[in-house]
Amino acid sequence: MLINELVHIIPGEVAGEITGEGEISGGYTSDLLSDVMAHAQSGQALITIQAHKNTVAVASLVGLPAIIVCNGRELPDDMVQSAREEGIAIFRTGLDQYEVSGRLWEAFHK
């Protein structure tokens, strides 16, 4: 699935701009960044409430092309800037992690 297709599956907003037409291969839901480093797989979108610059650093380390921040959390400017520099798309949604995970799972299993 192309990253820019997420906006049709998950209501919310894109922070900054989506760079290129990268793909995601699935999703990984966690709020514990050490868990993300240990278990997420390259190509997945991270579904989380962790809205800070360290989330971007972990996504970059693991090779995650997109971060979906849930529960309408505010996105700090340094997080958005860091994601732009790393080429990682950030989405912000009012939905919780359960709902986002379900929608993404359904989109991949149609």
N, C-alpha and C. Protein backbone atom coordinates (compact mmCIF):
# COMPACT_ATOMS: atom_id res chain seq x y z
N MET A 1 0.85 -1.17 0.00
CA MET A 1 0.00 0.00 0.00
C MET A 1 0.90 1.24 0.00
N LEU A 2 0.54 2.20 -0.80
CA LEU A 2 1.29 3.46 -0.82
C LEU A 2 0.97 4.28 0.42
N ILE A 3 1.97 4.96 0.94
CA ILE A 3 1.78 5.78 2.14
C ILE A 3 0.65 6.78 1.96
N ASN A 4 0.56 7.39 0.80
CA ASN A 4 -0.47 8.42 0.62
C ASN A 4 -1.89 7.84 0.60
N GLU A 5 -2.04 6.52 0.54
CA GLU A 5 -3.36 5.91 0.63
C GLU A 5 -3.89 5.87 2.06
N LEU A 6 -3.02 6.06 3.04
CA LEU A 6 -3.46 6.05 4.44
C LEU A 6 -4.54 7.10 4.71
N VAL A 7 -4.46 8.23 4.02
CA VAL A 7 -5.44 9.30 4.26
C VAL A 7 -6.85 8.88 3.88
N HIS A 8 -7.00 7.84 3.06
CA HIS A 8 -8.32 7.34 2.68
C HIS A 8 -8.84 6.28 3.65
N ILE A 9 -7.96 5.79 4.52
CA ILE A 9 -8.31 4.72 5.45
C ILE A 9 -8.49 5.27 6.87
N ILE A 10 -7.66 6.24 7.20
CA ILE A 10 -7.62 6.77 8.56
C ILE A 10 -7.92 8.27 8.52
N PRO A 11 -9.03 8.69 9.14
CA PRO A 11 -9.33 10.13 9.13
C PRO A 11 -8.32 10.89 9.99
N GLY A 12 -7.93 12.03 9.52
CA GLY A 12 -6.97 12.82 10.27
C GLY A 12 -6.26 13.78 9.35
N GLU A 13 -5.06 14.11 9.73
CA GLU A 13 -4.29 15.07 8.94
C GLU A 13 -2.85 14.61 8.79
N VAL A 14 -2.25 15.05 7.71
CA VAL A 14 -0.85 14.77 7.45
C VAL A 14 -0.06 15.94 8.03
N ALA A 15 0.96 15.64 8.81
CA ALA A 15 1.83 16.68 9.35
C ALA A 15 2.97 16.90 8.36
N GLY A 16 3.10 18.09 7.88
CA GLY A 16 4.12 18.35 6.87
C GLY A 16 3.64 17.81 5.54
N GLU A 17 4.54 17.18 4.83
CA GLU A 17 4.17 16.63 3.54
C GLU A 17 4.69 15.21 3.40
N ILE A 18 4.02 14.44 2.60
CA ILE A 18 4.47 13.08 2.32
C ILE A 18 5.52 13.16 1.23
N THR A 19 6.69 12.65 1.51
CA THR A 19 7.76 12.71 0.52
C THR A 19 7.74 11.44 -0.33
N GLY A 20 7.61 11.62 -1.61
CA GLY A 20 7.62 10.47 -2.51
C GLY A 20 6.37 9.62 -2.37
N GLU A 21 6.40 8.47 -2.99
CA GLU A 21 5.27 7.55 -2.92
C GLU A 21 5.73 6.24 -2.30
N GLY A 22 6.32 6.34 -1.13
CA GLY A 22 6.80 5.15 -0.44
C GLY A 22 5.67 4.19 -0.13
N GLU A 23 6.05 2.99 0.19
CA GLU A 23 5.06 1.96 0.50
C GLU A 23 5.18 1.52 1.94
N ILE A 24 4.05 1.03 2.48
CA ILE A 24 4.07 0.38 3.77
C ILE A 24 3.60 -1.06 3.58
N SER A 25 4.15 -1.93 4.40
CA SER A 25 3.85 -3.35 4.26
C SER A 25 2.90 -3.87 5.34
N GLY A 26 2.54 -3.00 6.27
CA GLY A 26 1.67 -3.38 7.38
C GLY A 26 1.80 -2.37 8.48
N GLY A 27 1.42 -2.75 9.68
CA GLY A 27 1.50 -1.83 10.81
C GLY A 27 2.03 -2.51 12.05
N TYR A 28 2.55 -1.70 12.95
CA TYR A 28 2.99 -2.18 14.26
C TYR A 28 2.48 -1.19 15.30
N THR A 29 1.76 -1.69 16.29
CA THR A 29 1.15 -0.83 17.30
C THR A 29 1.89 -1.00 18.62
N SER A 30 2.45 0.10 19.12
CA SER A 30 3.11 0.07 20.42
C SER A 30 3.39 1.49 20.88
N ASP A 31 3.37 1.68 22.20
CA ASP A 31 3.74 2.96 22.79
C ASP A 31 5.08 2.87 23.51
N LEU A 32 5.68 1.71 23.49
CA LEU A 32 6.97 1.49 24.13
C LEU A 32 8.04 1.43 23.04
N LEU A 33 8.86 2.46 22.96
CA LEU A 33 9.79 2.55 21.84
C LEU A 33 10.82 1.42 21.83
N SER A 34 11.21 0.90 22.99
CA SER A 34 12.13 -0.25 22.99
C SER A 34 11.45 -1.48 22.38
N ASP A 35 10.14 -1.60 22.56
CA ASP A 35 9.39 -2.69 21.94
C ASP A 35 9.37 -2.53 20.43
N VAL A 36 9.21 -1.31 19.98
CA VAL A 36 9.22 -1.03 18.54
C VAL A 36 10.58 -1.41 17.95
N MET A 37 11.64 -1.04 18.63
CA MET A 37 12.98 -1.38 18.13
C MET A 37 13.19 -2.89 18.08
N ALA A 38 12.62 -3.60 19.02
CA ALA A 38 12.83 -5.05 19.09
C ALA A 38 11.94 -5.85 18.14
N HIS A 39 10.73 -5.31 17.84
CA HIS A 39 9.76 -6.17 17.13
C HIS A 39 9.18 -5.62 15.83
N ALA A 40 9.19 -4.32 15.64
CA ALA A 40 8.65 -3.78 14.38
C ALA A 40 9.57 -4.19 13.23
N GLN A 41 8.97 -4.29 12.05
CA GLN A 41 9.74 -4.69 10.88
C GLN A 41 9.78 -3.55 9.88
N SER A 42 10.89 -3.44 9.22
CA SER A 42 11.08 -2.41 8.22
C SER A 42 9.90 -2.40 7.24
N GLY A 43 9.42 -1.23 6.93
CA GLY A 43 8.32 -1.09 5.98
C GLY A 43 6.96 -0.92 6.64
N GLN A 44 6.87 -1.20 7.93
CA GLN A 44 5.58 -1.07 8.63
C GLN A 44 5.34 0.39 9.03
N ALA A 45 4.07 0.72 9.24
CA ALA A 45 3.69 2.02 9.81
C ALA A 45 3.59 1.83 11.32
N LEU A 46 4.13 2.78 12.07
CA LEU A 46 4.04 2.73 13.53
C LEU A 46 2.76 3.43 13.98
N ILE A 47 1.96 2.74 14.78
CA ILE A 47 0.72 3.27 15.33
C ILE A 47 0.97 3.48 16.82
N THR A 48 0.88 4.73 17.30
CA THR A 48 1.31 5.05 18.65
C THR A 48 0.66 6.33 19.16
N ILE A 49 0.85 6.61 20.46
CA ILE A 49 0.49 7.91 21.02
C ILE A 49 1.74 8.71 21.37
N GLN A 50 2.90 8.15 21.11
CA GLN A 50 4.16 8.81 21.43
C GLN A 50 4.45 9.91 20.41
N ALA A 51 4.20 11.13 20.80
CA ALA A 51 4.35 12.27 19.89
C ALA A 51 5.57 13.10 20.32
N HIS A 52 6.75 12.61 19.97
CA HIS A 52 7.97 13.36 20.25
C HIS A 52 9.08 12.92 19.29
N LYS A 53 10.13 13.66 19.30
CA LYS A 53 11.23 13.46 18.36
C LYS A 53 11.86 12.06 18.45
N ASN A 54 11.89 11.47 19.64
CA ASN A 54 12.47 10.13 19.79
C ASN A 54 11.71 9.09 18.99
N THR A 55 10.42 9.29 18.81
CA THR A 55 9.61 8.36 18.01
C THR A 55 10.13 8.33 16.58
N VAL A 56 10.48 9.49 16.07
CA VAL A 56 11.01 9.58 14.71
C VAL A 56 12.38 8.89 14.63
N ALA A 57 13.20 9.08 15.65
CA ALA A 57 14.52 8.43 15.66
C ALA A 57 14.39 6.92 15.63
N VAL A 58 13.45 6.38 16.39
CA VAL A 58 13.23 4.93 16.41
C VAL A 58 12.69 4.46 15.06
N ALA A 59 11.74 5.20 14.51
CA ALA A 59 11.19 4.83 13.20
C ALA A 59 12.28 4.81 12.14
N SER A 60 13.16 5.77 12.18
CA SER A 60 14.26 5.83 11.23
C SER A 60 15.21 4.65 11.43
N LEU A 61 15.53 4.33 12.67
CA LEU A 61 16.42 3.23 12.99
C LEU A 61 15.88 1.89 12.47
N VAL A 62 14.57 1.69 12.64
CA VAL A 62 13.95 0.42 12.25
C VAL A 62 13.60 0.38 10.76
N GLY A 63 13.46 1.54 10.14
CA GLY A 63 13.07 1.59 8.72
C GLY A 63 11.57 1.69 8.53
N LEU A 64 10.91 2.39 9.44
CA LEU A 64 9.46 2.58 9.35
C LEU A 64 9.17 3.87 8.57
N PRO A 65 8.47 3.78 7.45
CA PRO A 65 8.27 4.95 6.61
C PRO A 65 7.14 5.89 7.06
N ALA A 66 6.34 5.47 8.05
CA ALA A 66 5.22 6.30 8.48
C ALA A 66 4.94 6.10 9.97
N ILE A 67 4.51 7.19 10.61
CA ILE A 67 4.09 7.16 12.00
C ILE A 67 2.66 7.69 12.04
N ILE A 68 1.78 6.96 12.70
CA ILE A 68 0.40 7.41 12.88
C ILE A 68 0.22 7.69 14.37
N VAL A 69 0.06 8.97 14.70
CA VAL A 69 -0.09 9.40 16.09
C VAL A 69 -1.58 9.49 16.39
N CYS A 70 -2.00 8.76 17.41
CA CYS A 70 -3.43 8.60 17.73
C CYS A 70 -3.89 9.53 18.86
N ASN A 71 -5.19 9.48 19.12
CA ASN A 71 -5.85 10.22 20.19
C ASN A 71 -5.72 11.73 20.05
N GLY A 72 -5.49 12.20 18.85
CA GLY A 72 -5.43 13.64 18.60
C GLY A 72 -4.28 14.34 19.28
N ARG A 73 -3.24 13.61 19.62
CA ARG A 73 -2.09 14.22 20.30
C ARG A 73 -1.48 15.32 19.43
N GLU A 74 -1.06 16.38 20.09
CA GLU A 74 -0.37 17.46 19.39
C GLU A 74 1.00 16.99 18.93
N LEU A 75 1.42 17.45 17.77
CA LEU A 75 2.72 17.08 17.22
C LEU A 75 3.69 18.24 17.39
N PRO A 76 4.73 18.07 18.18
CA PRO A 76 5.69 19.16 18.36
C PRO A 76 6.41 19.47 17.04
N ASP A 77 6.77 20.72 16.88
CA ASP A 77 7.45 21.15 15.66
C ASP A 77 8.74 20.38 15.42
N ASP A 78 9.50 20.10 16.50
CA ASP A 78 10.77 19.39 16.30
C ASP A 78 10.55 17.96 15.82
N MET A 79 9.42 17.36 16.19
CA MET A 79 9.09 16.02 15.70
C MET A 79 8.79 16.06 14.20
N VAL A 80 7.98 17.03 13.81
CA VAL A 80 7.60 17.18 12.40
C VAL A 80 8.84 17.48 11.55
N GLN A 81 9.70 18.35 12.05
CA GLN A 81 10.92 18.70 11.32
C GLN A 81 11.85 17.49 11.19
N SER A 82 12.00 16.75 12.26
CA SER A 82 12.85 15.57 12.24
C SER A 82 12.32 14.53 11.24
N ALA A 83 11.01 14.34 11.23
CA ALA A 83 10.40 13.40 10.29
C ALA A 83 10.63 13.85 8.86
N ARG A 84 10.50 15.13 8.62
CA ARG A 84 10.74 15.66 7.27
C ARG A 84 12.18 15.36 6.85
N GLU A 85 13.12 15.59 7.74
CA GLU A 85 14.53 15.35 7.43
C GLU A 85 14.82 13.87 7.19
N GLU A 86 14.11 12.99 7.89
CA GLU A 86 14.32 11.55 7.75
C GLU A 86 13.47 10.92 6.65
N GLY A 87 12.56 11.71 6.05
CA GLY A 87 11.70 11.18 4.99
C GLY A 87 10.61 10.26 5.52
N ILE A 88 10.16 10.52 6.76
CA ILE A 88 9.11 9.71 7.38
C ILE A 88 7.82 10.51 7.41
N ALA A 89 6.75 9.91 6.93
CA ALA A 89 5.44 10.57 6.93
C ALA A 89 4.83 10.48 8.33
N ILE A 90 4.19 11.57 8.77
CA ILE A 90 3.50 11.56 10.05
C ILE A 90 2.04 11.91 9.83
N PHE A 91 1.16 11.07 10.39
CA PHE A 91 -0.28 11.31 10.36
C PHE A 91 -0.75 11.52 11.79
N ARG A 92 -1.73 12.38 11.95
CA ARG A 92 -2.34 12.63 13.25
C ARG A 92 -3.83 12.35 13.12
N THR A 93 -4.35 11.54 14.03
CA THR A 93 -5.76 11.18 13.97
C THR A 93 -6.37 11.24 15.37
N GLY A 94 -7.65 11.47 15.42
CA GLY A 94 -8.38 11.45 16.68
C GLY A 94 -8.75 10.05 17.12
N LEU A 95 -8.58 9.08 16.23
CA LEU A 95 -8.90 7.69 16.57
C LEU A 95 -7.87 7.13 17.56
N ASP A 96 -8.27 6.09 18.30
CA ASP A 96 -7.31 5.45 19.20
C ASP A 96 -6.55 4.35 18.44
N GLN A 97 -5.56 3.77 19.11
CA GLN A 97 -4.70 2.78 18.47
C GLN A 97 -5.47 1.55 18.02
N TYR A 98 -6.45 1.15 18.79
CA TYR A 98 -7.24 -0.03 18.46
C TYR A 98 -7.97 0.18 17.12
N GLU A 99 -8.63 1.31 16.99
CA GLU A 99 -9.38 1.61 15.77
C GLU A 99 -8.44 1.72 14.55
N VAL A 100 -7.34 2.41 14.72
CA VAL A 100 -6.39 2.57 13.61
C VAL A 100 -5.82 1.22 13.20
N SER A 101 -5.45 0.42 14.19
CA SER A 101 -4.90 -0.91 13.90
C SER A 101 -5.91 -1.76 13.13
N GLY A 102 -7.16 -1.71 13.55
CA GLY A 102 -8.20 -2.47 12.87
C GLY A 102 -8.42 -2.02 11.44
N ARG A 103 -8.44 -0.73 11.24
CA ARG A 103 -8.63 -0.21 9.88
C ARG A 103 -7.46 -0.58 8.97
N LEU A 104 -6.26 -0.49 9.50
CA LEU A 104 -5.10 -0.83 8.69
C LEU A 104 -5.08 -2.33 8.40
N TRP A 105 -5.39 -3.14 9.40
CA TRP A 105 -5.43 -4.60 9.20
C TRP A 105 -6.46 -4.94 8.12
N GLU A 106 -7.61 -4.33 8.22
CA GLU A 106 -8.67 -4.60 7.23
C GLU A 106 -8.24 -4.20 5.82
N ALA A 107 -7.56 -3.07 5.68
CA ALA A 107 -7.11 -2.62 4.37
C ALA A 107 -6.11 -3.59 3.75
N PHE A 108 -5.30 -4.23 4.57
CA PHE A 108 -4.31 -5.17 4.06
C PHE A 108 -4.89 -6.56 3.82
N HIS A 109 -6.07 -6.83 4.34
CA HIS A 109 -6.64 -8.18 4.21
C HIS A 109 -7.94 -8.21 3.41
N LYS A 110 -8.12 -7.26 2.54
CA LYS A 110 -9.31 -7.25 1.68
C LYS A 110 -9.14 -8.23 0.55
